Amino acid sequence: MKRVWMLPKTDYLPFAEIDDRRDVALVTSTPAWDAVKELLRLNVVWRYDVTEADESAWLAANQTLRGDVVYAVGGGLAVDAAKYLAAKQGLPLICLPTVLSVDAFLTWASGVRENGCVTYIETKPPERLIIDFAVLAAAPLTVRAAGICDVLSIATGLWDWRFAHERGKNPAHMPYIPYVDTIAQGILQGSLDCAEAAGQGDKEGLKQLLDCLALEVQLCNQIGHSRPEEGSEHYFAYSVENVMGKGLPHGDLVGPGIVLMAALQGQAIAPLKKALLECAIPLTNIPPDVITATLKDLAAYSTRHNLPYGIAHEITDAHLTQLPSLA
């Protein structure tokens, strides 16, 4: 590891109070922009509505981009594209989340879909993150606090990390570190504690969820990888997206993955499922036959894409008789 990335500077500020006279290259989605455009006084000279996590599409957008600063307005897809474009252009990036749906607005990488899996490419973290809690509270219920999935996944990610250590399967640059495990468990507990309030749009609940996301990201930054929070639950999400298509939000895919993988790992699923439901994460949008087919292939899929070792690599038909109800 040659670099430790840092979190963006974060300001708690109503969007209506943003005062920026520079020419803005706006990266957004139509629903997100429509939700907040009346609050913002930005000199938008270029706009890109992101529809897919595809590097070739982002490269095409990069050819026409103009402006002095890049603004990302929306959720994870918008900010991942904006990080990519800002890095390519050497421009500062300001992120205005309209939902706490993922941890992407805190990270230095952008996720792209490639050959049926998600690949993370180095881009850059935003220089500035502006949080308007009134905007976050007004977000649609099922995505308002869906970022909790990127913290609850600590439960299954940590288990996989320990499991791989016991099997001698962790690569040299991802050694199991007990004290990091302990720290991550504290962050996980913080997310369980705030789930109900965050899901209801309570300001303090949303603030605690944001803090948990920031602590999770910086912990991974410090050790140079994401094993403490990304494991078989994400592999399930990456795989099942190939069947479900691009329409489902991140939480709709990872949330069921957390419950399913925790059950296969022999963990108690009740606290995790409770927190997911408190944040209104839909757990039944993936048809049962698609879940079964995805799990049947998950060991081969995880091996094929060289994903870090976890329970996903050892799923057999016998495991399929142990699946919990997601309803």
C-alpha atoms as a PDB file:
ATOM      1  CA  MET A   1       0.000   0.000   0.000  1.00  0.00           C
ATOM      2  CA  LYS A   2       1.506   3.312  -1.100  1.00  0.00           C
ATOM      3  CA  ARG A   3      -1.251   5.742  -0.129  1.00  0.00           C
ATOM      4  CA  VAL A   4      -3.845   6.268   2.570  1.00  0.00           C
ATOM      5  CA  TRP A   5      -6.826   8.149   1.172  1.00  0.00           C
ATOM      6  CA  MET A   6      -8.721  10.609   3.323  1.00  0.00           C
ATOM      7  CA  LEU A   7     -12.373  11.515   3.618  1.00  0.00           C
ATOM      8  CA  PRO A   8     -13.706  14.642   1.902  1.00  0.00           C
ATOM      9  CA  LYS A   9     -14.200  17.848   3.849  1.00  0.00           C
ATOM     10  CA  THR A  10     -17.824  17.749   4.991  1.00  0.00           C
ATOM     11  CA  ASP A  11     -20.081  20.759   5.528  1.00  0.00           C
ATOM     12  CA  TYR A  12     -23.570  20.587   7.037  1.00  0.00           C
ATOM     13  CA  LEU A  13     -25.285  23.255   5.019  1.00  0.00           C
ATOM     14  CA  PRO A  14     -28.707  23.800   3.403  1.00  0.00           C
ATOM     15  CA  PHE A  15     -28.301  23.559  -0.344  1.00  0.00           C
ATOM     16  CA  ALA A  16     -29.992  26.960  -0.674  1.00  0.00           C
ATOM     17  CA  GLU A  17     -27.008  28.569   1.087  1.00  0.00           C
ATOM     18  CA  ILE A  18     -24.397  27.291  -1.391  1.00  0.00           C
ATOM     19  CA  ASP A  19     -22.678  30.246  -3.028  1.00  0.00           C
ATOM     20  CA  ASP A  20     -20.496  29.210  -5.968  1.00  0.00           C
ATOM     21  CA  ARG A  21     -20.036  31.503  -8.973  1.00  0.00           C
ATOM     22  CA  ARG A  22     -17.878  29.130 -11.012  1.00  0.00           C
ATOM     23  CA  ASP A  23     -18.970  27.420 -14.228  1.00  0.00           C
ATOM     24  CA  VAL A  24     -20.369  24.053 -13.153  1.00  0.00           C
ATOM     25  CA  ALA A  25     -20.210  20.693 -14.903  1.00  0.00           C
ATOM     26  CA  LEU A  26     -23.206  18.905 -13.390  1.00  0.00           C
ATOM     27  CA  VAL A  27     -23.358  15.118 -13.063  1.00  0.00           C
ATOM     28  CA  THR A  28     -26.758  13.946 -11.879  1.00  0.00           C
ATOM     29  CA  SER A  29     -29.897  11.944 -12.584  1.00  0.00           C
ATOM     30  CA  THR A  30     -33.186  13.496 -13.613  1.00  0.00           C
ATOM     31  CA  PRO A  31     -35.152  12.482 -10.464  1.00  0.00           C
ATOM     32  CA  ALA A  32     -32.401  13.734  -8.147  1.00  0.00           C
ATOM     33  CA  TRP A  33     -31.977  17.025  -9.977  1.00  0.00           C
ATOM     34  CA  ASP A  34     -35.729  17.626 -10.115  1.00  0.00           C
ATOM     35  CA  ALA A  35     -35.883  17.118  -6.337  1.00  0.00           C
ATOM     36  CA  VAL A  36     -33.362  19.871  -5.488  1.00  0.00           C
ATOM     37  CA  LYS A  37     -32.913  22.164  -8.501  1.00  0.00           C
ATOM     38  CA  GLU A  38     -35.118  24.892  -7.014  1.00  0.00           C
ATOM     39  CA  LEU A  39     -32.815  25.020  -3.978  1.00  0.00           C
ATOM     40  CA  LEU A  40     -29.610  25.529  -5.938  1.00  0.00           C
ATOM     41  CA  ARG A  41     -28.191  28.618  -7.604  1.00  0.00           C
ATOM     42  CA  LEU A  42     -25.485  27.116  -9.782  1.00  0.00           C
ATOM     43  CA  ASN A  43     -24.138  28.326 -13.087  1.00  0.00           C
ATOM     44  CA  VAL A  44     -24.541  25.002 -14.904  1.00  0.00           C
ATOM     45  CA  VAL A  45     -22.747  25.128 -18.267  1.00  0.00           C
ATOM     46  CA  TRP A  46     -22.663  21.358 -18.912  1.00  0.00           C
ATOM     47  CA  ARG A  47     -24.866  18.518 -17.671  1.00  0.00           C
ATOM     48  CA  TYR A  48     -24.566  14.753 -17.800  1.00  0.00           C
ATOM     49  CA  ASP A  49     -27.464  12.544 -16.737  1.00  0.00           C
ATOM     50  CA  VAL A  50     -25.892   9.215 -15.720  1.00  0.00           C
ATOM     51  CA  THR A  51     -27.815   6.065 -16.564  1.00  0.00           C
ATOM     52  CA  GLU A  52     -25.212   3.314 -16.225  1.00  0.00           C
ATOM     53  CA  ALA A  53     -21.948   2.403 -14.508  1.00  0.00           C
ATOM     54  CA  ASP A  54     -20.120   1.942 -17.781  1.00  0.00           C
ATOM     55  CA  GLU A  55     -16.644   3.341 -18.333  1.00  0.00           C
ATOM     56  CA  SER A  56     -17.088   3.697 -22.095  1.00  0.00           C
ATOM     57  CA  ALA A  57     -20.168   5.877 -21.532  1.00  0.00           C
ATOM     58  CA  TRP A  58     -18.267   8.004 -19.034  1.00  0.00           C
ATOM     59  CA  LEU A  59     -15.364   8.366 -21.466  1.00  0.00           C
ATOM     60  CA  ALA A  60     -17.766   9.603 -24.130  1.00  0.00           C
ATOM     61  CA  ALA A  61     -19.148  12.187 -21.699  1.00  0.00           C
ATOM     62  CA  ASN A  62     -15.615  13.244 -20.829  1.00  0.00           C
ATOM     63  CA  GLN A  63     -15.023  14.343 -24.422  1.00  0.00           C
ATOM     64  CA  THR A  64     -17.540  17.195 -24.150  1.00  0.00           C
ATOM     65  CA  LEU A  65     -17.223  18.176 -20.491  1.00  0.00           C
ATOM     66  CA  ARG A  66     -16.652  21.838 -19.746  1.00  0.00           C
ATOM     67  CA  GLY A  67     -16.655  23.881 -16.575  1.00  0.00           C
ATOM     68  CA  ASP A  68     -14.404  24.933 -13.699  1.00  0.00           C
ATOM     69  CA  VAL A  69     -15.764  22.512 -11.105  1.00  0.00           C
ATOM     70  CA  VAL A  70     -17.702  19.246 -11.149  1.00  0.00           C
ATOM     71  CA  TYR A  71     -20.821  18.903  -9.011  1.00  0.00           C
ATOM     72  CA  ALA A  72     -22.354  15.485  -8.298  1.00  0.00           C
ATOM     73  CA  VAL A  73     -26.020  15.714  -7.332  1.00  0.00           C
ATOM     74  CA  GLY A  74     -27.826  12.470  -6.515  1.00  0.00           C
ATOM     75  CA  GLY A  75     -26.848   8.993  -5.331  1.00  0.00           C
ATOM     76  CA  GLY A  76     -24.084   6.486  -5.889  1.00  0.00           C
ATOM     77  CA  LEU A  77     -24.195   6.282  -9.675  1.00  0.00           C
ATOM     78  CA  ALA A  78     -23.942  10.046 -10.102  1.00  0.00           C
ATOM     79  CA  VAL A  79     -21.044  10.409  -7.696  1.00  0.00           C
ATOM     80  CA  ASP A  80     -19.103   7.454  -9.140  1.00  0.00           C
ATOM     81  CA  ALA A  81     -19.362   8.986 -12.622  1.00  0.00           C
ATOM     82  CA  ALA A  82     -18.504  12.438 -11.277  1.00  0.00           C
ATOM     83  CA  LYS A  83     -15.404  11.128  -9.475  1.00  0.00           C
ATOM     84  CA  TYR A  84     -14.283   9.526 -12.726  1.00  0.00           C
ATOM     85  CA  LEU A  85     -14.842  12.681 -14.792  1.00  0.00           C
ATOM     86  CA  ALA A  86     -13.307  15.028 -12.218  1.00  0.00           C
ATOM     87  CA  ALA A  87     -10.211  12.829 -12.028  1.00  0.00           C
ATOM     88  CA  LYS A  88      -9.910  12.699 -15.828  1.00  0.00           C
ATOM     89  CA  GLN A  89     -10.267  16.470 -16.109  1.00  0.00           C
ATOM     90  CA  GLY A  90      -8.170  17.391 -13.075  1.00  0.00           C
ATOM     91  CA  LEU A  91     -11.077  19.400 -11.691  1.00  0.00           C
ATOM     92  CA  PRO A  92     -12.312  19.841  -8.112  1.00  0.00           C
ATOM     93  CA  LEU A  93     -15.385  17.810  -7.176  1.00  0.00           C
ATOM     94  CA  ILE A  94     -18.228  18.801  -4.858  1.00  0.00           C
ATOM     95  CA  CYS A  95     -20.781  16.178  -3.928  1.00  0.00           C
ATOM     96  CA  LEU A  96     -24.374  16.919  -2.911  1.00  0.00           C
ATOM     97  CA  PRO A  97     -26.036  13.624  -1.906  1.00  0.00           C
ATOM     98  CA  THR A  98     -29.811  13.578  -2.188  1.00  0.00           C
ATOM     99  CA  VAL A  99     -29.996  10.165  -0.452  1.00  0.00           C
ATOM    100  CA  LEU A 100     -27.796   8.197   1.948  1.00  0.00           C
ATOM    101  CA  SER A 101     -27.979   5.206  -0.362  1.00  0.00           C
ATOM    102  CA  VAL A 102     -24.310   4.074  -0.529  1.00  0.00           C
ATOM    103  CA  ASP A 103     -20.854   5.015   0.749  1.00  0.00           C
ATOM    104  CA  ALA A 104     -19.600   6.114  -2.701  1.00  0.00           C
ATOM    105  CA  PHE A 105     -19.586   9.842  -1.879  1.00  0.00           C
ATOM    106  CA  LEU A 106     -16.872   9.161   0.711  1.00  0.00           C
ATOM    107  CA  THR A 107     -14.570   6.873  -1.274  1.00  0.00           C
ATOM    108  CA  TRP A 108     -11.693   7.271  -3.714  1.00  0.00           C
ATOM    109  CA  ALA A 109     -12.865   4.661  -6.239  1.00  0.00           C
ATOM    110  CA  SER A 110     -15.635   4.345  -8.798  1.00  0.00           C
ATOM    111  CA  GLY A 111     -17.481   1.101  -9.410  1.00  0.00           C
ATOM    112  CA  VAL A 112     -17.994   0.041 -13.023  1.00  0.00           C
ATOM    113  CA  ARG A 113     -19.760  -3.001 -14.440  1.00  0.00           C
ATOM    114  CA  GLU A 114     -17.385  -5.153 -16.438  1.00  0.00           C
ATOM    115  CA  ASN A 115     -17.829  -8.725 -17.710  1.00  0.00           C
ATOM    116  CA  GLY A 116     -20.744  -9.386 -15.391  1.00  0.00           C
ATOM    117  CA  CYS A 117     -19.085  -8.130 -12.206  1.00  0.00           C
ATOM    118  CA  VAL A 118     -18.216  -4.861 -10.459  1.00  0.00           C
ATOM    119  CA  THR A 119     -14.673  -3.543 -10.755  1.00  0.00           C
ATOM    120  CA  TYR A 120     -13.401  -0.621  -8.683  1.00  0.00           C
ATOM    121  CA  ILE A 121     -11.100   1.816 -10.444  1.00  0.00           C
ATOM    122  CA  GLU A 122      -9.053   4.501  -8.732  1.00  0.00           C
ATOM    123  CA  THR A 123     -10.529   7.946  -9.301  1.00  0.00           C
ATOM    124  CA  LYS A 124     -10.655  10.431  -6.396  1.00  0.00           C
ATOM    125  CA  PRO A 125     -12.759  11.337  -3.375  1.00  0.00           C
ATOM    126  CA  PRO A 126     -14.712  14.594  -3.540  1.00  0.00           C
ATOM    127  CA  GLU A 127     -12.863  17.628  -2.231  1.00  0.00           C
ATOM    128  CA  ARG A 128     -16.055  18.740  -0.526  1.00  0.00           C
ATOM    129  CA  LEU A 129     -19.207  16.991   0.638  1.00  0.00           C
ATOM    130  CA  ILE A 130     -22.266  19.105   1.447  1.00  0.00           C
ATOM    131  CA  ILE A 131     -24.970  17.517   3.571  1.00  0.00           C
ATOM    132  CA  ASP A 132     -28.482  18.983   3.732  1.00  0.00           C
ATOM    133  CA  PHE A 133     -30.362  16.864   6.249  1.00  0.00           C
ATOM    134  CA  ALA A 134     -33.740  18.228   5.116  1.00  0.00           C
ATOM    135  CA  VAL A 135     -33.032  16.959   1.595  1.00  0.00           C
ATOM    136  CA  LEU A 136     -31.954  13.554   2.883  1.00  0.00           C
ATOM    137  CA  ALA A 137     -35.046  13.272   5.080  1.00  0.00           C
ATOM    138  CA  ALA A 138     -37.288  14.025   2.093  1.00  0.00           C
ATOM    139  CA  ALA A 139     -35.773  11.269  -0.069  1.00  0.00           C
ATOM    140  CA  PRO A 140     -37.942   8.316  -1.134  1.00  0.00           C
ATOM    141  CA  LEU A 141     -38.423   5.904   1.771  1.00  0.00           C
ATOM    142  CA  THR A 142     -36.793   2.805   0.238  1.00  0.00           C
ATOM    143  CA  VAL A 143     -33.535   4.590  -0.619  1.00  0.00           C
ATOM    144  CA  ARG A 144     -33.425   7.301   2.071  1.00  0.00           C
ATOM    145  CA  ALA A 145     -31.135   5.295   4.360  1.00  0.00           C
ATOM    146  CA  ALA A 146     -30.180   2.393   2.078  1.00  0.00           C
ATOM    147  CA  GLY A 147     -26.526   3.174   2.763  1.00  0.00           C
ATOM    148  CA  ILE A 148     -26.990   1.146   5.920  1.00  0.00           C
ATOM    149  CA  CYS A 149     -26.366  -1.901   3.697  1.00  0.00           C
ATOM    150  CA  ASP A 150     -22.749  -0.783   3.272  1.00  0.00           C
ATOM    151  CA  VAL A 151     -22.370  -0.859   7.066  1.00  0.00           C
ATOM    152  CA  LEU A 152     -24.489  -3.912   7.896  1.00  0.00           C
ATOM    153  CA  SER A 153     -22.346  -5.802   5.393  1.00  0.00           C
ATOM    154  CA  ILE A 154     -19.625  -5.587   8.049  1.00  0.00           C
ATOM    155  CA  ALA A 155     -21.404  -8.518   9.722  1.00  0.00           C
ATOM    156  CA  THR A 156     -20.905 -10.837   6.751  1.00  0.00           C
ATOM    157  CA  GLY A 157     -17.706  -9.238   5.458  1.00  0.00           C
ATOM    158  CA  LEU A 158     -15.905  -9.690   8.783  1.00  0.00           C
ATOM    159  CA  TRP A 159     -17.076 -13.293   9.018  1.00  0.00           C
ATOM    160  CA  ASP A 160     -15.678 -13.977   5.536  1.00  0.00           C
ATOM    161  CA  TRP A 161     -12.378 -12.296   6.431  1.00  0.00           C
ATOM    162  CA  ARG A 162     -11.960 -14.497   9.509  1.00  0.00           C
ATOM    163  CA  PHE A 163     -13.091 -17.570   7.550  1.00  0.00           C
ATOM    164  CA  ALA A 164     -10.524 -16.920   4.829  1.00  0.00           C
ATOM    165  CA  HIS A 165      -7.838 -16.457   7.499  1.00  0.00           C
ATOM    166  CA  GLU A 166      -8.694 -19.824   9.056  1.00  0.00           C
ATOM    167  CA  ARG A 167      -8.532 -21.435   5.609  1.00  0.00           C
ATOM    168  CA  GLY A 168      -5.240 -19.727   4.752  1.00  0.00           C
ATOM    169  CA  LYS A 169      -6.958 -17.977   1.840  1.00  0.00           C
ATOM    170  CA  ASN A 170      -6.266 -14.311   2.564  1.00  0.00           C
ATOM    171  CA  PRO A 171      -3.695 -12.826   0.170  1.00  0.00           C
ATOM    172  CA  ALA A 172      -0.593 -11.193   1.638  1.00  0.00           C
ATOM    173  CA  HIS A 173      -1.979  -7.681   1.236  1.00  0.00           C
ATOM    174  CA  MET A 174      -5.228  -8.561   3.077  1.00  0.00           C
ATOM    175  CA  PRO A 175      -4.049 -10.215   6.324  1.00  0.00           C
ATOM    176  CA  TYR A 176      -6.627 -10.613   9.056  1.00  0.00           C
ATOM    177  CA  ILE A 177      -6.123  -7.955  11.758  1.00  0.00           C
ATOM    178  CA  PRO A 178      -7.945  -8.656  15.037  1.00  0.00           C
ATOM    179  CA  TYR A 179      -8.087  -5.070  16.305  1.00  0.00           C
ATOM    180  CA  VAL A 180      -9.558  -3.896  12.988  1.00  0.00           C
ATOM    181  CA  ASP A 181     -12.209  -6.586  13.419  1.00  0.00           C
ATOM    182  CA  THR A 182     -13.043  -5.137  16.851  1.00  0.00           C
ATOM    183  CA  ILE A 183     -13.269  -1.585  15.535  1.00  0.00           C
ATOM    184  CA  ALA A 184     -15.485  -2.666  12.652  1.00  0.00           C
ATOM    185  CA  GLN A 185     -17.852  -4.448  15.038  1.00  0.00           C
ATOM    186  CA  GLY A 186     -18.292  -1.170  16.910  1.00  0.00           C
ATOM    187  CA  ILE A 187     -19.214   0.595  13.691  1.00  0.00           C
ATOM    188  CA  LEU A 188     -21.665  -2.181  12.873  1.00  0.00           C
ATOM    189  CA  GLN A 189     -23.311  -1.745  16.271  1.00  0.00           C
ATOM    190  CA  GLY A 190     -23.604   1.991  15.644  1.00  0.00           C
ATOM    191  CA  SER A 191     -25.558   1.317  12.465  1.00  0.00           C
ATOM    192  CA  LEU A 192     -27.858  -1.161  14.199  1.00  0.00           C
ATOM    193  CA  ASP A 193     -28.539   1.430  16.884  1.00  0.00           C
ATOM    194  CA  CYS A 194     -29.534   4.193  14.450  1.00  0.00           C
ATOM    195  CA  ALA A 195     -31.439   2.157  11.849  1.00  0.00           C
ATOM    196  CA  GLU A 196     -34.947   3.016  12.991  1.00  0.00           C
ATOM    197  CA  ALA A 197     -34.267   6.743  13.344  1.00  0.00           C
ATOM    198  CA  ALA A 198     -32.385   6.962  10.032  1.00  0.00           C
ATOM    199  CA  GLY A 199     -35.142   5.121   8.229  1.00  0.00           C
ATOM    200  CA  GLN A 200     -37.687   7.601   9.577  1.00  0.00           C
ATOM    201  CA  GLY A 201     -35.608  10.526   8.326  1.00  0.00           C
ATOM    202  CA  ASP A 202     -34.716  11.752  11.810  1.00  0.00           C
ATOM    203  CA  LYS A 203     -31.769  14.172  11.606  1.00  0.00           C
ATOM    204  CA  GLU A 204     -29.773  12.561  14.415  1.00  0.00           C
ATOM    205  CA  GLY A 205     -30.388   9.100  12.979  1.00  0.00           C
ATOM    206  CA  LEU A 206     -29.209  10.183   9.540  1.00  0.00           C
ATOM    207  CA  LYS A 207     -26.161  11.890  11.103  1.00  0.00           C
ATOM    208  CA  GLN A 208     -25.231   8.696  12.952  1.00  0.00           C
ATOM    209  CA  LEU A 209     -25.629   6.621   9.793  1.00  0.00           C
ATOM    210  CA  LEU A 210     -23.413   9.096   7.925  1.00  0.00           C
ATOM    211  CA  ASP A 211     -20.830   8.844  10.721  1.00  0.00           C
ATOM    212  CA  CYS A 212     -20.906   5.040  10.515  1.00  0.00           C
ATOM    213  CA  LEU A 213     -20.395   5.178   6.752  1.00  0.00           C
ATOM    214  CA  ALA A 214     -17.480   7.600   7.158  1.00  0.00           C
ATOM    215  CA  LEU A 215     -15.841   5.483   9.869  1.00  0.00           C
ATOM    216  CA  GLU A 216     -16.243   2.334   7.757  1.00  0.00           C
ATOM    217  CA  VAL A 217     -14.681   3.999   4.716  1.00  0.00           C
ATOM    218  CA  GLN A 218     -11.748   5.483   6.615  1.00  0.00           C
ATOM    219  CA  LEU A 219     -11.063   2.191   8.388  1.00  0.00           C
ATOM    220  CA  CYS A 220     -10.793   0.509   4.996  1.00  0.00           C
ATOM    221  CA  ASN A 221      -8.632   3.388   3.741  1.00  0.00           C
ATOM    222  CA  GLN A 222      -6.229   2.841   6.631  1.00  0.00           C
ATOM    223  CA  ILE A 223      -5.675  -0.859   5.890  1.00  0.00           C
ATOM    224  CA  GLY A 224      -5.789  -0.507   2.109  1.00  0.00           C
ATOM    225  CA  HIS A 225      -8.700  -2.835   1.292  1.00  0.00           C
ATOM    226  CA  SER A 226     -12.401  -3.426   1.963  1.00  0.00           C
ATOM    227  CA  ARG A 227     -12.453  -6.889   3.514  1.00  0.00           C
ATOM    228  CA  PRO A 228     -14.015  -5.670   6.786  1.00  0.00           C
ATOM    229  CA  GLU A 229     -17.156  -4.532   4.967  1.00  0.00           C
ATOM    230  CA  GLU A 230     -17.352  -6.288   1.619  1.00  0.00           C
ATOM    231  CA  GLY A 231     -17.765 -10.027   1.265  1.00  0.00           C
ATOM    232  CA  SER A 232     -20.141 -12.669  -0.021  1.00  0.00           C
ATOM    233  CA  GLU A 233     -23.193 -10.413   0.376  1.00  0.00           C
ATOM    234  CA  HIS A 234     -21.753  -8.090  -2.267  1.00  0.00           C
ATOM    235  CA  TYR A 235     -20.767 -11.012  -4.501  1.00  0.00           C
ATOM    236  CA  PHE A 236     -24.402 -12.128  -4.425  1.00  0.00           C
ATOM    237  CA  ALA A 237     -25.477  -8.607  -5.397  1.00  0.00           C
ATOM    238  CA  TYR A 238     -22.975  -8.400  -8.254  1.00  0.00           C
ATOM    239  CA  SER A 239     -24.086 -11.758  -9.621  1.00  0.00           C
ATOM    240  CA  VAL A 240     -27.839 -11.357  -9.249  1.00  0.00           C
ATOM    241  CA  GLU A 241     -27.731  -7.964 -10.967  1.00  0.00           C
ATOM    242  CA  ASN A 242     -26.882  -9.796 -14.191  1.00  0.00           C
ATOM    243  CA  VAL A 243     -30.335 -11.373 -14.024  1.00  0.00           C
ATOM    244  CA  MET A 244     -32.308  -8.511 -12.489  1.00  0.00           C
ATOM    245  CA  GLY A 245     -30.810  -5.834 -14.712  1.00  0.00           C
ATOM    246  CA  LYS A 246     -29.830  -2.275 -13.829  1.00  0.00           C
ATOM    247  CA  GLY A 247     -33.189  -1.161 -12.454  1.00  0.00           C
ATOM    248  CA  LEU A 248     -32.884  -2.180  -8.809  1.00  0.00           C
ATOM    249  CA  PRO A 249     -31.080   0.083  -6.331  1.00  0.00           C
ATOM    250  CA  HIS A 250     -27.916  -1.118  -4.590  1.00  0.00           C
ATOM    251  CA  GLY A 251     -29.743  -1.780  -1.325  1.00  0.00           C
ATOM    252  CA  ASP A 252     -32.353  -4.002  -2.978  1.00  0.00           C
ATOM    253  CA  LEU A 253     -29.531  -6.327  -4.060  1.00  0.00           C
ATOM    254  CA  VAL A 254     -27.137  -6.145  -1.109  1.00  0.00           C
ATOM    255  CA  GLY A 255     -29.824  -6.194   1.585  1.00  0.00           C
ATOM    256  CA  PRO A 256     -31.103  -9.693   0.708  1.00  0.00           C
ATOM    257  CA  GLY A 257     -27.480 -10.765   0.235  1.00  0.00           C
ATOM    258  CA  ILE A 258     -26.683  -9.792   3.829  1.00  0.00           C
ATOM    259  CA  VAL A 259     -29.548 -11.861   5.231  1.00  0.00           C
ATOM    260  CA  LEU A 260     -28.836 -14.872   3.019  1.00  0.00           C
ATOM    261  CA  MET A 261     -25.090 -14.942   3.593  1.00  0.00           C
ATOM    262  CA  ALA A 262     -25.415 -14.357   7.335  1.00  0.00           C
ATOM    263  CA  ALA A 263     -27.761 -17.351   7.510  1.00  0.00           C
ATOM    264  CA  LEU A 264     -25.326 -19.544   5.545  1.00  0.00           C
ATOM    265  CA  GLN A 265     -22.534 -18.403   7.865  1.00  0.00           C
ATOM    266  CA  GLY A 266     -24.587 -19.534  10.871  1.00  0.00           C
ATOM    267  CA  GLN A 267     -25.075 -16.015  12.221  1.00  0.00           C
ATOM    268  CA  ALA A 268     -28.198 -14.673  13.913  1.00  0.00           C
ATOM    269  CA  ILE A 269     -30.092 -12.856  11.180  1.00  0.00           C
ATOM    270  CA  ALA A 270     -32.848 -11.244  13.275  1.00  0.00           C
ATOM    271  CA  PRO A 271     -30.924  -8.036  14.213  1.00  0.00           C
ATOM    272  CA  LEU A 272     -29.730  -7.550  10.637  1.00  0.00           C
ATOM    273  CA  LYS A 273     -33.141  -8.149   9.119  1.00  0.00           C
ATOM    274  CA  LYS A 274     -34.754  -5.818  11.669  1.00  0.00           C
ATOM    275  CA  ALA A 275     -32.354  -2.990  10.804  1.00  0.00           C
ATOM    276  CA  LEU A 276     -32.890  -3.487   7.074  1.00  0.00           C
ATOM    277  CA  LEU A 277     -36.663  -3.353   7.468  1.00  0.00           C
ATOM    278  CA  GLU A 278     -36.417  -0.286   9.729  1.00  0.00           C
ATOM    279  CA  CYS A 279     -34.617   1.429   6.843  1.00  0.00           C
ATOM    280  CA  ALA A 280     -37.328   0.196   4.436  1.00  0.00           C
ATOM    281  CA  ILE A 281     -34.882  -1.895   2.386  1.00  0.00           C
ATOM    282  CA  PRO A 282     -36.999  -4.162   0.149  1.00  0.00           C
ATOM    283  CA  LEU A 283     -36.006  -7.784   0.731  1.00  0.00           C
ATOM    284  CA  THR A 284     -38.449  -9.498  -1.633  1.00  0.00           C
ATOM    285  CA  ASN A 285     -37.868  -7.804  -4.985  1.00  0.00           C
ATOM    286  CA  ILE A 286     -35.688 -10.686  -6.212  1.00  0.00           C
ATOM    287  CA  PRO A 287     -37.800 -13.725  -7.214  1.00  0.00           C
ATOM    288  CA  PRO A 288     -37.053 -16.914  -5.211  1.00  0.00           C
ATOM    289  CA  ASP A 289     -36.072 -18.859  -8.330  1.00  0.00           C
ATOM    290  CA  VAL A 290     -33.525 -16.166  -9.215  1.00  0.00           C
ATOM    291  CA  ILE A 291     -32.092 -16.312  -5.688  1.00  0.00           C
ATOM    292  CA  THR A 292     -31.746 -20.099  -5.913  1.00  0.00           C
ATOM    293  CA  ALA A 293     -30.115 -19.986  -9.340  1.00  0.00           C
ATOM    294  CA  THR A 294     -27.714 -17.247  -8.212  1.00  0.00           C
ATOM    295  CA  LEU A 295     -26.685 -19.165  -5.117  1.00  0.00           C
ATOM    296  CA  LYS A 296     -26.174 -22.375  -7.097  1.00  0.00           C
ATOM    297  CA  ASP A 297     -23.651 -20.575  -9.299  1.00  0.00           C
ATOM    298  CA  LEU A 298     -22.135 -18.252  -6.684  1.00  0.00           C
ATOM    299  CA  ALA A 299     -19.104 -20.404  -5.864  1.00  0.00           C
ATOM    300  CA  ALA A 300     -18.145 -20.637  -9.534  1.00  0.00           C
ATOM    301  CA  TYR A 301     -18.929 -16.940 -10.070  1.00  0.00           C
ATOM    302  CA  SER A 302     -16.761 -15.854  -7.118  1.00  0.00           C
ATOM    303  CA  THR A 303     -13.866 -18.009  -8.300  1.00  0.00           C
ATOM    304  CA  ARG A 304     -14.229 -16.877 -11.899  1.00  0.00           C
ATOM    305  CA  HIS A 305     -14.007 -13.215 -10.910  1.00  0.00           C
ATOM    306  CA  ASN A 306     -11.200 -13.780  -8.384  1.00  0.00           C
ATOM    307  CA  LEU A 307     -13.201 -12.313  -5.507  1.00  0.00           C
ATOM    308  CA  PRO A 308     -11.665 -12.492  -2.013  1.00  0.00           C
ATOM    309  CA  TYR A 309     -12.457 -15.792  -0.309  1.00  0.00           C
ATOM    310  CA  GLY A 310     -15.626 -16.203   1.717  1.00  0.00           C
ATOM    311  CA  ILE A 311     -18.625 -18.412   2.331  1.00  0.00           C
ATOM    312  CA  ALA A 312     -19.703 -17.749  -1.275  1.00  0.00           C
ATOM    313  CA  HIS A 313     -16.829 -19.935  -2.471  1.00  0.00           C
ATOM    314  CA  GLU A 314     -18.106 -22.941  -0.536  1.00  0.00           C
ATOM    315  CA  ILE A 315     -21.871 -22.859  -1.184  1.00  0.00           C
ATOM    316  CA  THR A 316     -23.247 -26.266  -2.135  1.00  0.00           C
ATOM    317  CA  ASP A 317     -26.713 -27.576  -2.916  1.00  0.00           C
ATOM    318  CA  ALA A 318     -26.990 -28.622   0.727  1.00  0.00           C
ATOM    319  CA  HIS A 319     -26.819 -24.976   1.774  1.00  0.00           C
ATOM    320  CA  LEU A 320     -29.903 -24.195  -0.303  1.00  0.00           C
ATOM    321  CA  THR A 321     -32.070 -26.102   2.165  1.00  0.00           C
ATOM    322  CA  GLN A 322     -31.012 -23.711   4.942  1.00  0.00           C
ATOM    323  CA  LEU A 323     -32.192 -20.464   3.402  1.00  0.00           C
ATOM    324  CA  PRO A 324     -34.230 -18.118   5.592  1.00  0.00           C
ATOM    325  CA  SER A 325     -37.468 -16.437   4.553  1.00  0.00           C
ATOM    326  CA  LEU A 326     -36.917 -12.904   3.285  1.00  0.00           C
ATOM    327  CA  ALA A 327     -40.601 -11.993   3.619  1.00  0.00           C
END
